[in-house]
Amino acid sequence: MARKGVERPKPTKLRKETREWLTKQTIPNARRIARDLENEGEDVHDLLAAIDELEALLKEGSNRPKA
């Protein structure tokens, strides 16, 4: 979840390869790590919120019209 009252930064221009790597590699790996940590009893709420926010920023950036 995004924090209330905090303005989100505008998505940065990323190369297609970078965006794909984040979407297909980094985010799934981070989710697996979070799941492992949760299974060990750690509180991963903030980590999952950050992963969700990164994923939302990537989706917003890919939906922007190209300049």
PDB file of N, CA and C in Angstrom:
ATOM      1  N   MET A   1       0.823  -1.185   0.000  1.00  0.00           N
ATOM      2  CA  MET A   1       0.000   0.000   0.000  1.00  0.00           C
ATOM      3  C   MET A   1       0.866   1.247   0.000  1.00  0.00           C
ATOM      4  N   ALA A   2       0.420   2.219  -0.727  1.00  0.00           N
ATOM      5  CA  ALA A   2       1.143   3.493  -0.742  1.00  0.00           C
ATOM      6  C   ALA A   2       0.809   4.267   0.527  1.00  0.00           C
ATOM      7  N   ARG A   3       1.774   5.001   0.999  1.00  0.00           N
ATOM      8  CA  ARG A   3       1.552   5.816   2.191  1.00  0.00           C
ATOM      9  C   ARG A   3       0.673   6.999   1.836  1.00  0.00           C
ATOM     10  N   LYS A   4      -0.237   7.332   2.742  1.00  0.00           N
ATOM     11  CA  LYS A   4      -1.149   8.452   2.519  1.00  0.00           C
ATOM     12  C   LYS A   4      -0.408   9.760   2.724  1.00  0.00           C
ATOM     13  N   GLY A   5      -0.698  10.735   1.875  1.00  0.00           N
ATOM     14  CA  GLY A   5      -0.134  12.062   2.046  1.00  0.00           C
ATOM     15  C   GLY A   5       1.277  12.234   1.496  1.00  0.00           C
ATOM     16  N   VAL A   6       1.866  11.172   0.990  1.00  0.00           N
ATOM     17  CA  VAL A   6       3.219  11.260   0.444  1.00  0.00           C
ATOM     18  C   VAL A   6       3.106  11.219  -1.073  1.00  0.00           C
ATOM     19  N   GLU A   7       3.645  12.246  -1.716  1.00  0.00           N
ATOM     20  CA  GLU A   7       3.594  12.297  -3.167  1.00  0.00           C
ATOM     21  C   GLU A   7       4.568  11.285  -3.745  1.00  0.00           C
ATOM     22  N   ARG A   8       4.065  10.477  -4.658  1.00  0.00           N
ATOM     23  CA  ARG A   8       4.914   9.479  -5.290  1.00  0.00           C
ATOM     24  C   ARG A   8       5.739  10.130  -6.383  1.00  0.00           C
ATOM     25  N   PRO A   9       6.976   9.694  -6.530  1.00  0.00           N
ATOM     26  CA  PRO A   9       7.803  10.246  -7.608  1.00  0.00           C
ATOM     27  C   PRO A   9       7.263   9.806  -8.959  1.00  0.00           C
ATOM     28  N   LYS A  10       7.531  10.606  -9.975  1.00  0.00           N
ATOM     29  CA  LYS A  10       7.141  10.233 -11.324  1.00  0.00           C
ATOM     30  C   LYS A  10       8.031   9.083 -11.780  1.00  0.00           C
ATOM     31  N   PRO A  11       7.457   8.154 -12.534  1.00  0.00           N
ATOM     32  CA  PRO A  11       8.269   7.033 -13.006  1.00  0.00           C
ATOM     33  C   PRO A  11       9.463   7.510 -13.829  1.00  0.00           C
ATOM     34  N   THR A  12      10.575   6.882 -13.610  1.00  0.00           N
ATOM     35  CA  THR A  12      11.796   7.203 -14.334  1.00  0.00           C
ATOM     36  C   THR A  12      11.763   6.487 -15.676  1.00  0.00           C
ATOM     37  N   LYS A  13      12.336   7.130 -16.677  1.00  0.00           N
ATOM     38  CA  LYS A  13      12.450   6.455 -17.961  1.00  0.00           C
ATOM     39  C   LYS A  13      13.444   5.314 -17.803  1.00  0.00           C
ATOM     40  N   LEU A  14      12.983   4.118 -18.112  1.00  0.00           N
ATOM     41  CA  LEU A  14      13.847   2.951 -18.052  1.00  0.00           C
ATOM     42  C   LEU A  14      13.906   2.306 -19.420  1.00  0.00           C
ATOM     43  N   ARG A  15      15.049   1.737 -19.720  1.00  0.00           N
ATOM     44  CA  ARG A  15      15.147   0.974 -20.959  1.00  0.00           C
ATOM     45  C   ARG A  15      14.204  -0.212 -20.875  1.00  0.00           C
ATOM     46  N   LYS A  16      13.737  -0.664 -22.007  1.00  0.00           N
ATOM     47  CA  LYS A  16      12.826  -1.808 -22.055  1.00  0.00           C
ATOM     48  C   LYS A  16      13.451  -3.026 -21.363  1.00  0.00           C
ATOM     49  N   GLU A  17      14.728  -3.255 -21.581  1.00  0.00           N
ATOM     50  CA  GLU A  17      15.416  -4.402 -20.987  1.00  0.00           C
ATOM     51  C   GLU A  17      15.445  -4.305 -19.463  1.00  0.00           C
ATOM     52  N   THR A  18      15.659  -3.098 -18.957  1.00  0.00           N
ATOM     53  CA  THR A  18      15.711  -2.894 -17.507  1.00  0.00           C
ATOM     54  C   THR A  18      14.340  -3.142 -16.896  1.00  0.00           C
ATOM     55  N   ARG A  19      13.305  -2.587 -17.532  1.00  0.00           N
ATOM     56  CA  ARG A  19      11.934  -2.777 -17.048  1.00  0.00           C
ATOM     57  C   ARG A  19      11.570  -4.263 -17.037  1.00  0.00           C
ATOM     58  N   GLU A  20      11.923  -4.974 -18.112  1.00  0.00           N
ATOM     59  CA  GLU A  20      11.631  -6.408 -18.177  1.00  0.00           C
ATOM     60  C   GLU A  20      12.387  -7.187 -17.100  1.00  0.00           C
ATOM     61  N   TRP A  21      13.651  -6.834 -16.873  1.00  0.00           N
ATOM     62  CA  TRP A  21      14.440  -7.519 -15.849  1.00  0.00           C
ATOM     63  C   TRP A  21      13.811  -7.326 -14.473  1.00  0.00           C
ATOM     64  N   LEU A  22      13.423  -6.093 -14.165  1.00  0.00           N
ATOM     65  CA  LEU A  22      12.788  -5.832 -12.876  1.00  0.00           C
ATOM     66  C   LEU A  22      11.487  -6.618 -12.738  1.00  0.00           C
ATOM     67  N   THR A  23      10.698  -6.641 -13.812  1.00  0.00           N
ATOM     68  CA  THR A  23       9.402  -7.302 -13.774  1.00  0.00           C
ATOM     69  C   THR A  23       9.524  -8.821 -13.703  1.00  0.00           C
ATOM     70  N   LYS A  24      10.453  -9.376 -14.471  1.00  0.00           N
ATOM     71  CA  LYS A  24      10.531 -10.837 -14.579  1.00  0.00           C
ATOM     72  C   LYS A  24      11.525 -11.483 -13.628  1.00  0.00           C
ATOM     73  N   GLN A  25      12.486 -10.717 -13.124  1.00  0.00           N
ATOM     74  CA  GLN A  25      13.514 -11.296 -12.257  1.00  0.00           C
ATOM     75  C   GLN A  25      13.465 -10.731 -10.835  1.00  0.00           C
ATOM     76  N   THR A  26      13.646  -9.434 -10.732  1.00  0.00           N
ATOM     77  CA  THR A  26      13.821  -8.809  -9.421  1.00  0.00           C
ATOM     78  C   THR A  26      12.574  -8.936  -8.546  1.00  0.00           C
ATOM     79  N   ILE A  27      11.419  -8.583  -9.089  1.00  0.00           N
ATOM     80  CA  ILE A  27      10.196  -8.613  -8.282  1.00  0.00           C
ATOM     81  C   ILE A  27       9.850 -10.041  -7.834  1.00  0.00           C
ATOM     82  N   PRO A  28       9.844 -11.031  -8.742  1.00  0.00           N
ATOM     83  CA  PRO A  28       9.568 -12.394  -8.268  1.00  0.00           C
ATOM     84  C   PRO A  28      10.586 -12.891  -7.229  1.00  0.00           C
ATOM     85  N   ASN A  29      11.870 -12.557  -7.424  1.00  0.00           N
ATOM     86  CA  ASN A  29      12.885 -12.965  -6.444  1.00  0.00           C
ATOM     87  C   ASN A  29      12.639 -12.309  -5.092  1.00  0.00           C
ATOM     88  N   ALA A  30      12.301 -11.026  -5.108  1.00  0.00           N
ATOM     89  CA  ALA A  30      12.029 -10.323  -3.849  1.00  0.00           C
ATOM     90  C   ALA A  30      10.805 -10.921  -3.152  1.00  0.00           C
ATOM     91  N   ARG A  31       9.798 -11.286  -3.916  1.00  0.00           N
ATOM     92  CA  ARG A  31       8.603 -11.916  -3.320  1.00  0.00           C
ATOM     93  C   ARG A  31       8.946 -13.278  -2.706  1.00  0.00           C
ATOM     94  N   ARG A  32       9.811 -14.040  -3.373  1.00  0.00           N
ATOM     95  CA  ARG A  32      10.244 -15.335  -2.802  1.00  0.00           C
ATOM     96  C   ARG A  32      11.004 -15.124  -1.500  1.00  0.00           C
ATOM     97  N   ILE A  33      11.871 -14.137  -1.476  1.00  0.00           N
ATOM     98  CA  ILE A  33      12.623 -13.840  -0.257  1.00  0.00           C
ATOM     99  C   ILE A  33      11.669 -13.432   0.864  1.00  0.00           C
ATOM    100  N   ALA A  34      10.689 -12.590   0.524  1.00  0.00           N
ATOM    101  CA  ALA A  34       9.706 -12.161   1.525  1.00  0.00           C
ATOM    102  C   ALA A  34       8.930 -13.360   2.062  1.00  0.00           C
ATOM    103  N   ARG A  35       8.537 -14.265   1.162  1.00  0.00           N
ATOM    104  CA  ARG A  35       7.801 -15.456   1.602  1.00  0.00           C
ATOM    105  C   ARG A  35       8.668 -16.306   2.535  1.00  0.00           C
ATOM    106  N   ASP A  36       9.939 -16.475   2.193  1.00  0.00           N
ATOM    107  CA  ASP A  36      10.847 -17.244   3.055  1.00  0.00           C
ATOM    108  C   ASP A  36      11.001 -16.586   4.418  1.00  0.00           C
ATOM    109  N   LEU A  37      11.161 -15.268   4.413  1.00  0.00           N
ATOM    110  CA  LEU A  37      11.287 -14.554   5.687  1.00  0.00           C
ATOM    111  C   LEU A  37      10.007 -14.679   6.514  1.00  0.00           C
ATOM    112  N   GLU A  38       8.868 -14.588   5.852  1.00  0.00           N
ATOM    113  CA  GLU A  38       7.589 -14.714   6.564  1.00  0.00           C
ATOM    114  C   GLU A  38       7.451 -16.107   7.163  1.00  0.00           C
ATOM    115  N   ASN A  39       7.894 -17.111   6.428  1.00  0.00           N
ATOM    116  CA  ASN A  39       7.848 -18.487   6.938  1.00  0.00           C
ATOM    117  C   ASN A  39       8.744 -18.669   8.161  1.00  0.00           C
ATOM    118  N   GLU A  40       9.770 -17.832   8.274  1.00  0.00           N
ATOM    119  CA  GLU A  40      10.655 -17.872   9.433  1.00  0.00           C
ATOM    120  C   GLU A  40      10.148 -16.999  10.578  1.00  0.00           C
ATOM    121  N   GLY A  41       8.986 -16.380  10.379  1.00  0.00           N
ATOM    122  CA  GLY A  41       8.378 -15.603  11.453  1.00  0.00           C
ATOM    123  C   GLY A  41       8.647 -14.113  11.402  1.00  0.00           C
ATOM    124  N   GLU A  42       9.283 -13.639  10.349  1.00  0.00           N
ATOM    125  CA  GLU A  42       9.578 -12.209  10.240  1.00  0.00           C
ATOM    126  C   GLU A  42       8.356 -11.443   9.747  1.00  0.00           C
ATOM    127  N   ASP A  43       8.255 -10.188  10.148  1.00  0.00           N
ATOM    128  CA  ASP A  43       7.198  -9.307   9.669  1.00  0.00           C
ATOM    129  C   ASP A  43       7.661  -8.714   8.343  1.00  0.00           C
ATOM    130  N   VAL A  44       6.964  -9.043   7.285  1.00  0.00           N
ATOM    131  CA  VAL A  44       7.382  -8.611   5.951  1.00  0.00           C
ATOM    132  C   VAL A  44       6.387  -7.634   5.323  1.00  0.00           C
ATOM    133  N   HIS A  45       5.490  -7.086   6.105  1.00  0.00           N
ATOM    134  CA  HIS A  45       4.461  -6.179   5.598  1.00  0.00           C
ATOM    135  C   HIS A  45       5.082  -5.004   4.829  1.00  0.00           C
ATOM    136  N   ASP A  46       6.067  -4.347   5.415  1.00  0.00           N
ATOM    137  CA  ASP A  46       6.701  -3.194   4.764  1.00  0.00           C
ATOM    138  C   ASP A  46       7.448  -3.603   3.495  1.00  0.00           C
ATOM    139  N   LEU A  47       8.094  -4.755   3.535  1.00  0.00           N
ATOM    140  CA  LEU A  47       8.815  -5.250   2.358  1.00  0.00           C
ATOM    141  C   LEU A  47       7.841  -5.527   1.217  1.00  0.00           C
ATOM    142  N   LEU A  48       6.734  -6.192   1.515  1.00  0.00           N
ATOM    143  CA  LEU A  48       5.742  -6.475   0.481  1.00  0.00           C
ATOM    144  C   LEU A  48       5.117  -5.190  -0.051  1.00  0.00           C
ATOM    145  N   ALA A  49       4.893  -4.214   0.814  1.00  0.00           N
ATOM    146  CA  ALA A  49       4.351  -2.924   0.368  1.00  0.00           C
ATOM    147  C   ALA A  49       5.332  -2.239  -0.591  1.00  0.00           C
ATOM    148  N   ALA A  50       6.614  -2.304  -0.292  1.00  0.00           N
ATOM    149  CA  ALA A  50       7.624  -1.695  -1.163  1.00  0.00           C
ATOM    150  C   ALA A  50       7.693  -2.421  -2.508  1.00  0.00           C
ATOM    151  N   ILE A  51       7.593  -3.733  -2.490  1.00  0.00           N
ATOM    152  CA  ILE A  51       7.600  -4.504  -3.735  1.00  0.00           C
ATOM    153  C   ILE A  51       6.374  -4.146  -4.576  1.00  0.00           C
ATOM    154  N   ASP A  52       5.215  -4.053  -3.923  1.00  0.00           N
ATOM    155  CA  ASP A  52       3.984  -3.678  -4.635  1.00  0.00           C
ATOM    156  C   ASP A  52       4.104  -2.284  -5.241  1.00  0.00           C
ATOM    157  N   GLU A  53       4.718  -1.371  -4.505  1.00  0.00           N
ATOM    158  CA  GLU A  53       4.880  -0.009  -5.011  1.00  0.00           C
ATOM    159  C   GLU A  53       5.837   0.018  -6.212  1.00  0.00           C
ATOM    160  N   LEU A  54       6.918  -0.738  -6.147  1.00  0.00           N
ATOM    161  CA  LEU A  54       7.833  -0.831  -7.279  1.00  0.00           C
ATOM    162  C   LEU A  54       7.114  -1.392  -8.504  1.00  0.00           C
ATOM    163  N   GLU A  55       6.322  -2.423  -8.287  1.00  0.00           N
ATOM    164  CA  GLU A  55       5.585  -3.023  -9.386  1.00  0.00           C
ATOM    165  C   GLU A  55       4.594  -2.017  -9.993  1.00  0.00           C
ATOM    166  N   ALA A  56       3.919  -1.245  -9.144  1.00  0.00           N
ATOM    167  CA  ALA A  56       2.981  -0.232  -9.630  1.00  0.00           C
ATOM    168  C   ALA A  56       3.701   0.848 -10.428  1.00  0.00           C
ATOM    169  N   LEU A  57       4.873   1.275  -9.961  1.00  0.00           N
ATOM    170  CA  LEU A  57       5.646   2.284 -10.690  1.00  0.00           C
ATOM    171  C   LEU A  57       6.069   1.770 -12.060  1.00  0.00           C
ATOM    172  N   LEU A  58       6.458   0.513 -12.127  1.00  0.00           N
ATOM    173  CA  LEU A  58       6.850  -0.071 -13.413  1.00  0.00           C
ATOM    174  C   LEU A  58       5.668  -0.129 -14.366  1.00  0.00           C
ATOM    175  N   LYS A  59       4.511  -0.499 -13.847  1.00  0.00           N
ATOM    176  CA  LYS A  59       3.319  -0.574 -14.702  1.00  0.00           C
ATOM    177  C   LYS A  59       2.908   0.815 -15.170  1.00  0.00           C
ATOM    178  N   GLU A  60       2.961   1.804 -14.270  1.00  0.00           N
ATOM    179  CA  GLU A  60       2.625   3.185 -14.660  1.00  0.00           C
ATOM    180  C   GLU A  60       3.559   3.677 -15.739  1.00  0.00           C
ATOM    181  N   GLY A  61       4.831   3.393 -15.570  1.00  0.00           N
ATOM    182  CA  GLY A  61       5.831   3.845 -16.545  1.00  0.00           C
ATOM    183  C   GLY A  61       5.658   3.188 -17.893  1.00  0.00           C
ATOM    184  N   SER A  62       5.224   1.932 -17.918  1.00  0.00           N
ATOM    185  CA  SER A  62       5.056   1.256 -19.199  1.00  0.00           C
ATOM    186  C   SER A  62       3.769   1.680 -19.891  1.00  0.00           C
ATOM    187  N   ASN A  63       2.837   2.267 -19.156  1.00  0.00           N
ATOM    188  CA  ASN A  63       1.581   2.728 -19.739  1.00  0.00           C
ATOM    189  C   ASN A  63       1.637   4.173 -20.206  1.00  0.00           C
ATOM    190  N   ARG A  64       2.738   4.854 -19.920  1.00  0.00           N
ATOM    191  CA  ARG A  64       2.877   6.259 -20.334  1.00  0.00           C
ATOM    192  C   ARG A  64       3.025   6.343 -21.844  1.00  0.00           C
ATOM    193  N   PRO A  65       2.451   7.396 -22.415  1.00  0.00           N
ATOM    194  CA  PRO A  65       2.677   7.600 -23.854  1.00  0.00           C
ATOM    195  C   PRO A  65       4.146   7.941 -24.098  1.00  0.00           C
ATOM    196  N   LYS A  66       4.677   7.448 -25.183  1.00  0.00           N
ATOM    197  CA  LYS A  66       6.089   7.713 -25.505  1.00  0.00           C
ATOM    198  C   LYS A  66       6.232   9.122 -26.057  1.00  0.00           C
ATOM    199  N   ALA A  67       7.284   9.798 -25.611  1.00  0.00           N
ATOM    200  CA  ALA A  67       7.511  11.180 -26.051  1.00  0.00           C
ATOM    201  C   ALA A  67       8.313  11.219 -27.325  1.00  0.00           C
TER     202      ALA A  67
END
